[in-house]
All heavy atoms as atom14 arrays in JSON, in Angstrom:
{
  "sequence": "DSVQFADKLKEIENDGFYNKIIFLIGGSNGLSDN",
  "atom14_mask": [
    [1, 1, 1, 1, 1, 1, 1, 1, 0, 0, 0, 0, 0, 0],
    [1, 1, 1, 1, 1, 1, 0, 0, 0, 0, 0, 0, 0, 0],
    [1, 1, 1, 1, 1, 1, 1, 0, 0, 0, 0, 0, 0, 0],
    [1, 1, 1, 1, 1, 1, 1, 1, 1, 0, 0, 0, 0, 0],
    [1, 1, 1, 1, 1, 1, 1, 1, 1, 1, 1, 0, 0, 0],
    [1, 1, 1, 1, 1, 0, 0, 0, 0, 0, 0, 0, 0, 0],
    [1, 1, 1, 1, 1, 1, 1, 1, 0, 0, 0, 0, 0, 0],
    [1, 1, 1, 1, 1, 1, 1, 1, 1, 0, 0, 0, 0, 0],
    [1, 1, 1, 1, 1, 1, 1, 1, 0, 0, 0, 0, 0, 0],
    [1, 1, 1, 1, 1, 1, 1, 1, 1, 0, 0, 0, 0, 0],
    [1, 1, 1, 1, 1, 1, 1, 1, 1, 0, 0, 0, 0, 0],
    [1, 1, 1, 1, 1, 1, 1, 1, 0, 0, 0, 0, 0, 0],
    [1, 1, 1, 1, 1, 1, 1, 1, 1, 0, 0, 0, 0, 0],
    [1, 1, 1, 1, 1, 1, 1, 1, 0, 0, 0, 0, 0, 0],
    [1, 1, 1, 1, 1, 1, 1, 1, 0, 0, 0, 0, 0, 0],
    [1, 1, 1, 1, 0, 0, 0, 0, 0, 0, 0, 0, 0, 0],
    [1, 1, 1, 1, 1, 1, 1, 1, 1, 1, 1, 0, 0, 0],
    [1, 1, 1, 1, 1, 1, 1, 1, 1, 1, 1, 1, 0, 0],
    [1, 1, 1, 1, 1, 1, 1, 1, 0, 0, 0, 0, 0, 0],
    [1, 1, 1, 1, 1, 1, 1, 1, 1, 0, 0, 0, 0, 0],
    [1, 1, 1, 1, 1, 1, 1, 1, 0, 0, 0, 0, 0, 0],
    [1, 1, 1, 1, 1, 1, 1, 1, 0, 0, 0, 0, 0, 0],
    [1, 1, 1, 1, 1, 1, 1, 1, 1, 1, 1, 0, 0, 0],
    [1, 1, 1, 1, 1, 1, 1, 1, 0, 0, 0, 0, 0, 0],
    [1, 1, 1, 1, 1, 1, 1, 1, 0, 0, 0, 0, 0, 0],
    [1, 1, 1, 1, 0, 0, 0, 0, 0, 0, 0, 0, 0, 0],
    [1, 1, 1, 1, 0, 0, 0, 0, 0, 0, 0, 0, 0, 0],
    [1, 1, 1, 1, 1, 1, 0, 0, 0, 0, 0, 0, 0, 0],
    [1, 1, 1, 1, 1, 1, 1, 1, 0, 0, 0, 0, 0, 0],
    [1, 1, 1, 1, 0, 0, 0, 0, 0, 0, 0, 0, 0, 0],
    [1, 1, 1, 1, 1, 1, 1, 1, 0, 0, 0, 0, 0, 0],
    [1, 1, 1, 1, 1, 1, 0, 0, 0, 0, 0, 0, 0, 0],
    [1, 1, 1, 1, 1, 1, 1, 1, 0, 0, 0, 0, 0, 0],
    [1, 1, 1, 1, 1, 1, 1, 1, 0, 0, 0, 0, 0, 0]
  ],
  "atom14_positions": [
    [[25.61, 62.0, 3.36], [24.98, 61.95, 2.05], [26.06, 62.27, 1.0], [27.22, 62.54, 1.35], [23.77, 62.87, 1.96], [24.08, 64.36, 2.11], [25.2, 64.8, 1.77], [23.18, 65.1, 2.56], [0.0, 0.0, 0.0], [0.0, 0.0, 0.0], [0.0, 0.0, 0.0], [0.0, 0.0, 0.0], [0.0, 0.0, 0.0], [0.0, 0.0, 0.0]],
    [[25.72, 62.24, -0.26], [26.72, 62.41, -1.33], [27.41, 63.77, -1.29], [28.62, 63.86, -1.51], [26.08, 62.19, -2.7], [25.67, 60.84, -2.82], [0.0, 0.0, 0.0], [0.0, 0.0, 0.0], [0.0, 0.0, 0.0], [0.0, 0.0, 0.0], [0.0, 0.0, 0.0], [0.0, 0.0, 0.0], [0.0, 0.0, 0.0], [0.0, 0.0, 0.0]],
    [[26.67, 64.82, -1.0], [27.28, 66.16, -0.94], [28.2, 66.26, 0.27], [29.3, 66.8, 0.18], [26.19, 67.26, -0.92], [26.8, 68.63, -0.69], [25.4, 67.25, -2.23], [0.0, 0.0, 0.0], [0.0, 0.0, 0.0], [0.0, 0.0, 0.0], [0.0, 0.0, 0.0], [0.0, 0.0, 0.0], [0.0, 0.0, 0.0], [0.0, 0.0, 0.0]],
    [[27.78, 65.73, 1.4], [28.63, 65.73, 2.59], [29.9, 64.9, 2.36], [30.98, 65.27, 2.81], [27.87, 65.18, 3.81], [26.76, 66.08, 4.29], [25.87, 65.38, 5.31], [25.63, 64.17, 5.25], [25.36, 66.17, 6.26], [0.0, 0.0, 0.0], [0.0, 0.0, 0.0], [0.0, 0.0, 0.0], [0.0, 0.0, 0.0], [0.0, 0.0, 0.0]],
    [[29.77, 63.79, 1.66], [30.92, 62.95, 1.34], [31.9, 63.72, 0.45], [33.1, 63.71, 0.69], [30.46, 61.66, 0.67], [31.57, 60.7, 0.36], [32.24, 60.03, 1.37], [31.93, 60.45, -0.95], [33.27, 59.12, 1.08], [32.95, 59.55, -1.25], [33.61, 58.89, -0.23], [0.0, 0.0, 0.0], [0.0, 0.0, 0.0], [0.0, 0.0, 0.0]],
    [[31.37, 64.42, -0.55], [32.22, 65.25, -1.41], [32.93, 66.32, -0.6], [34.13, 66.55, -0.76], [31.38, 65.88, -2.52], [0.0, 0.0, 0.0], [0.0, 0.0, 0.0], [0.0, 0.0, 0.0], [0.0, 0.0, 0.0], [0.0, 0.0, 0.0], [0.0, 0.0, 0.0], [0.0, 0.0, 0.0], [0.0, 0.0, 0.0], [0.0, 0.0, 0.0]],
    [[32.19, 66.96, 0.29], [32.79, 67.99, 1.16], [33.88, 67.41, 2.05], [34.9, 68.06, 2.29], [31.71, 68.67, 2.01], [30.78, 69.56, 1.2], [31.14, 69.94, 0.07], [29.68, 69.86, 1.71], [0.0, 0.0, 0.0], [0.0, 0.0, 0.0], [0.0, 0.0, 0.0], [0.0, 0.0, 0.0], [0.0, 0.0, 0.0], [0.0, 0.0, 0.0]],
    [[33.68, 66.19, 2.53], [34.69, 65.54, 3.37], [35.97, 65.29, 2.58], [37.08, 65.54, 3.08], [34.13, 64.22, 3.94], [35.07, 63.51, 4.88], [35.26, 64.29, 6.17], [36.1, 63.55, 7.17], [36.35, 64.34, 8.38], [0.0, 0.0, 0.0], [0.0, 0.0, 0.0], [0.0, 0.0, 0.0], [0.0, 0.0, 0.0], [0.0, 0.0, 0.0]],
    [[35.84, 64.82, 1.35], [37.02, 64.6, 0.51], [37.75, 65.92, 0.26], [38.99, 65.99, 0.33], [36.63, 63.95, -0.82], [36.08, 62.54, -0.76], [35.77, 62.03, -2.16], [37.03, 61.59, -0.04], [0.0, 0.0, 0.0], [0.0, 0.0, 0.0], [0.0, 0.0, 0.0], [0.0, 0.0, 0.0], [0.0, 0.0, 0.0], [0.0, 0.0, 0.0]],
    [[37.0, 66.97, 0.0], [37.59, 68.29, -0.24], [38.29, 68.79, 1.03], [39.39, 69.37, 0.97], [36.51, 69.28, -0.69], [37.05, 70.6, -1.15], [37.83, 70.41, -2.43], [38.26, 71.74, -2.99], [39.21, 71.56, -4.08], [0.0, 0.0, 0.0], [0.0, 0.0, 0.0], [0.0, 0.0, 0.0], [0.0, 0.0, 0.0], [0.0, 0.0, 0.0]],
    [[37.67, 68.6, 2.18], [38.26, 69.01, 3.46], [39.61, 68.32, 3.68], [40.58, 68.94, 4.11], [37.28, 68.65, 4.58], [37.79, 68.87, 5.97], [36.81, 68.3, 7.0], [35.59, 68.48, 6.84], [37.29, 67.65, 7.95], [0.0, 0.0, 0.0], [0.0, 0.0, 0.0], [0.0, 0.0, 0.0], [0.0, 0.0, 0.0], [0.0, 0.0, 0.0]],
    [[39.66, 67.02, 3.4], [40.91, 66.26, 3.57], [41.97, 66.8, 2.61], [43.12, 67.03, 3.0], [40.68, 64.76, 3.34], [39.7, 64.21, 4.38], [42.01, 64.0, 3.36], [39.12, 62.85, 4.03], [0.0, 0.0, 0.0], [0.0, 0.0, 0.0], [0.0, 0.0, 0.0], [0.0, 0.0, 0.0], [0.0, 0.0, 0.0], [0.0, 0.0, 0.0]],
    [[41.59, 67.03, 1.36], [42.52, 67.55, 0.37], [43.01, 68.95, 0.75], [44.21, 69.25, 0.66], [41.86, 67.6, -1.01], [42.79, 68.09, -2.1], [42.11, 68.17, -3.44], [40.88, 68.39, -3.51], [42.82, 68.01, -4.46], [0.0, 0.0, 0.0], [0.0, 0.0, 0.0], [0.0, 0.0, 0.0], [0.0, 0.0, 0.0], [0.0, 0.0, 0.0]],
    [[42.12, 69.79, 1.22], [42.48, 71.17, 1.57], [43.33, 71.26, 2.82], [43.99, 72.27, 3.04], [41.22, 72.02, 1.75], [40.55, 72.37, 0.44], [41.15, 72.23, -0.63], [39.3, 72.79, 0.51], [0.0, 0.0, 0.0], [0.0, 0.0, 0.0], [0.0, 0.0, 0.0], [0.0, 0.0, 0.0], [0.0, 0.0, 0.0], [0.0, 0.0, 0.0]],
    [[43.32, 70.22, 3.64], [44.13, 70.22, 4.85], [45.6, 70.46, 4.51], [46.32, 71.13, 5.25], [43.94, 68.91, 5.61], [44.69, 68.86, 6.91], [45.9, 68.56, 6.87], [44.1, 69.14, 7.96], [0.0, 0.0, 0.0], [0.0, 0.0, 0.0], [0.0, 0.0, 0.0], [0.0, 0.0, 0.0], [0.0, 0.0, 0.0], [0.0, 0.0, 0.0]],
    [[46.05, 69.9, 3.39], [47.41, 70.11, 2.94], [48.44, 69.16, 3.54], [49.56, 69.06, 3.06], [0.0, 0.0, 0.0], [0.0, 0.0, 0.0], [0.0, 0.0, 0.0], [0.0, 0.0, 0.0], [0.0, 0.0, 0.0], [0.0, 0.0, 0.0], [0.0, 0.0, 0.0], [0.0, 0.0, 0.0], [0.0, 0.0, 0.0], [0.0, 0.0, 0.0]],
    [[48.08, 68.44, 4.58], [49.01, 67.52, 5.23], [49.03, 66.15, 4.56], [50.06, 65.49, 4.49], [48.66, 67.36, 6.71], [49.53, 66.38, 7.44], [50.84, 66.7, 7.78], [49.05, 65.12, 7.77], [51.65, 65.78, 8.45], [49.84, 64.2, 8.44], [51.16, 64.53, 8.78], [0.0, 0.0, 0.0], [0.0, 0.0, 0.0], [0.0, 0.0, 0.0]],
    [[47.88, 65.74, 4.06], [47.72, 64.37, 3.58], [48.05, 64.25, 2.1], [47.61, 65.04, 1.28], [46.31, 63.87, 3.86], [46.0, 63.89, 5.33], [45.22, 64.9, 5.9], [46.52, 62.91, 6.17], [44.97, 64.92, 7.25], [46.27, 62.93, 7.53], [45.49, 63.94, 8.06], [45.26, 63.96, 9.41], [0.0, 0.0, 0.0], [0.0, 0.0, 0.0]],
    [[48.84, 63.21, 1.77], [49.19, 62.92, 0.37], [48.21, 61.98, -0.29], [48.11, 61.94, -1.51], [50.59, 62.28, 0.29], [51.68, 63.24, 0.66], [51.54, 64.45, 0.51], [52.78, 62.71, 1.15], [0.0, 0.0, 0.0], [0.0, 0.0, 0.0], [0.0, 0.0, 0.0], [0.0, 0.0, 0.0], [0.0, 0.0, 0.0], [0.0, 0.0, 0.0]],
    [[47.52, 61.21, 0.54], [46.69, 60.14, 0.0], [45.54, 59.87, 0.96], [45.69, 59.98, 2.17], [47.57, 58.9, -0.16], [46.92, 57.68, -0.65], [47.86, 56.49, -0.9], [49.17, 56.48, -0.22], [49.96, 55.27, -0.47], [0.0, 0.0, 0.0], [0.0, 0.0, 0.0], [0.0, 0.0, 0.0], [0.0, 0.0, 0.0], [0.0, 0.0, 0.0]],
    [[44.41, 59.48, 0.39], [43.28, 58.99, 1.17], [43.2, 57.49, 0.93], [43.17, 57.04, -0.22], [41.96, 59.67, 0.77], [42.03, 61.18, 0.93], [40.8, 59.09, 1.59], [40.84, 61.92, 0.37], [0.0, 0.0, 0.0], [0.0, 0.0, 0.0], [0.0, 0.0, 0.0], [0.0, 0.0, 0.0], [0.0, 0.0, 0.0], [0.0, 0.0, 0.0]],
    [[43.18, 56.74, 2.01], [43.09, 55.29, 1.92], [41.76, 54.86, 2.54], [41.49, 55.15, 3.7], [44.25, 54.6, 2.67], [45.59, 55.01, 2.06], [44.07, 53.08, 2.64], [46.79, 54.5, 2.84], [0.0, 0.0, 0.0], [0.0, 0.0, 0.0], [0.0, 0.0, 0.0], [0.0, 0.0, 0.0], [0.0, 0.0, 0.0], [0.0, 0.0, 0.0]],
    [[40.94, 54.19, 1.74], [39.69, 53.62, 2.22], [39.93, 52.13, 2.49], [40.39, 51.42, 1.59], [38.59, 53.76, 1.17], [38.12, 55.18, 0.97], [38.7, 55.98, 0.01], [37.08, 55.69, 1.73], [38.26, 57.29, -0.18], [36.64, 56.99, 1.55], [37.24, 57.79, 0.59], [0.0, 0.0, 0.0], [0.0, 0.0, 0.0], [0.0, 0.0, 0.0]],
    [[39.64, 51.68, 3.69], [39.83, 50.27, 4.06], [38.48, 49.57, 4.18], [37.6, 50.02, 4.92], [40.57, 50.16, 5.39], [42.03, 50.62, 5.4], [42.61, 50.52, 6.81], [42.86, 49.8, 4.43], [0.0, 0.0, 0.0], [0.0, 0.0, 0.0], [0.0, 0.0, 0.0], [0.0, 0.0, 0.0], [0.0, 0.0, 0.0], [0.0, 0.0, 0.0]],
    [[38.36, 48.48, 3.45], [37.14, 47.68, 3.46], [37.51, 46.29, 3.95], [38.39, 45.62, 3.38], [36.52, 47.58, 2.05], [36.17, 48.98, 1.54], [35.3, 46.67, 2.05], [35.75, 49.02, 0.08], [0.0, 0.0, 0.0], [0.0, 0.0, 0.0], [0.0, 0.0, 0.0], [0.0, 0.0, 0.0], [0.0, 0.0, 0.0], [0.0, 0.0, 0.0]],
    [[36.88, 45.85, 5.0], [37.16, 44.55, 5.58], [36.54, 43.42, 4.79], [35.7, 43.63, 3.9], [0.0, 0.0, 0.0], [0.0, 0.0, 0.0], [0.0, 0.0, 0.0], [0.0, 0.0, 0.0], [0.0, 0.0, 0.0], [0.0, 0.0, 0.0], [0.0, 0.0, 0.0], [0.0, 0.0, 0.0], [0.0, 0.0, 0.0], [0.0, 0.0, 0.0]],
    [[36.93, 42.22, 5.12], [36.36, 41.02, 4.52], [35.06, 40.65, 5.2], [34.39, 41.49, 5.8], [0.0, 0.0, 0.0], [0.0, 0.0, 0.0], [0.0, 0.0, 0.0], [0.0, 0.0, 0.0], [0.0, 0.0, 0.0], [0.0, 0.0, 0.0], [0.0, 0.0, 0.0], [0.0, 0.0, 0.0], [0.0, 0.0, 0.0], [0.0, 0.0, 0.0]],
    [[34.75, 39.37, 5.19], [33.47, 38.91, 5.74], [33.34, 39.15, 7.24], [32.24, 39.26, 7.76], [33.26, 37.43, 5.43], [34.32, 36.67, 5.97], [0.0, 0.0, 0.0], [0.0, 0.0, 0.0], [0.0, 0.0, 0.0], [0.0, 0.0, 0.0], [0.0, 0.0, 0.0], [0.0, 0.0, 0.0], [0.0, 0.0, 0.0], [0.0, 0.0, 0.0]],
    [[34.45, 39.27, 7.94], [34.4, 39.54, 9.39], [34.57, 41.02, 9.71], [34.71, 41.37, 10.89], [35.48, 38.72, 10.11], [35.21, 37.24, 10.03], [34.07, 36.81, 10.11], [36.26, 36.46, 9.84], [0.0, 0.0, 0.0], [0.0, 0.0, 0.0], [0.0, 0.0, 0.0], [0.0, 0.0, 0.0], [0.0, 0.0, 0.0], [0.0, 0.0, 0.0]],
    [[34.57, 41.87, 8.71], [34.74, 43.3, 8.95], [36.18, 43.65, 9.27], [37.1, 42.91, 8.94], [0.0, 0.0, 0.0], [0.0, 0.0, 0.0], [0.0, 0.0, 0.0], [0.0, 0.0, 0.0], [0.0, 0.0, 0.0], [0.0, 0.0, 0.0], [0.0, 0.0, 0.0], [0.0, 0.0, 0.0], [0.0, 0.0, 0.0], [0.0, 0.0, 0.0]],
    [[36.38, 44.79, 9.9], [37.71, 45.27, 10.26], [37.96, 45.02, 11.75], [37.04, 45.13, 12.57], [37.82, 46.78, 9.99], [37.71, 47.19, 8.53], [37.54, 48.71, 8.42], [38.92, 46.74, 7.73], [0.0, 0.0, 0.0], [0.0, 0.0, 0.0], [0.0, 0.0, 0.0], [0.0, 0.0, 0.0], [0.0, 0.0, 0.0], [0.0, 0.0, 0.0]],
    [[39.2, 44.73, 12.07], [39.54, 44.49, 13.48], [39.53, 45.8, 14.26], [39.61, 46.88, 13.69], [40.93, 43.85, 13.57], [41.93, 44.8, 13.24], [0.0, 0.0, 0.0], [0.0, 0.0, 0.0], [0.0, 0.0, 0.0], [0.0, 0.0, 0.0], [0.0, 0.0, 0.0], [0.0, 0.0, 0.0], [0.0, 0.0, 0.0], [0.0, 0.0, 0.0]],
    [[39.44, 45.69, 15.56], [39.52, 46.87, 16.42], [40.86, 47.57, 16.25], [40.94, 48.79, 16.32], [39.31, 46.49, 17.89], [37.87, 46.09, 18.17], [36.97, 46.48, 17.4], [37.64, 45.39, 19.18], [0.0, 0.0, 0.0], [0.0, 0.0, 0.0], [0.0, 0.0, 0.0], [0.0, 0.0, 0.0], [0.0, 0.0, 0.0], [0.0, 0.0, 0.0]],
    [[41.92, 46.81, 16.01], [43.25, 47.39, 15.76], [43.23, 48.31, 14.54], [43.74, 49.43, 14.59], [44.29, 46.27, 15.56], [45.65, 46.81, 15.2], [46.2, 47.66, 15.9], [46.19, 46.34, 14.1], [0.0, 0.0, 0.0], [0.0, 0.0, 0.0], [0.0, 0.0, 0.0], [0.0, 0.0, 0.0], [0.0, 0.0, 0.0], [0.0, 0.0, 0.0]]
  ]
}
């Protein structure tokens, strides 16, 4: 839900290791297994 999503973003930011969050959205066939 929206609050859990916000908490997830905060968790990633607080980890301290990650410089960037990348969201990947596939085309009409979705994302490959790779």
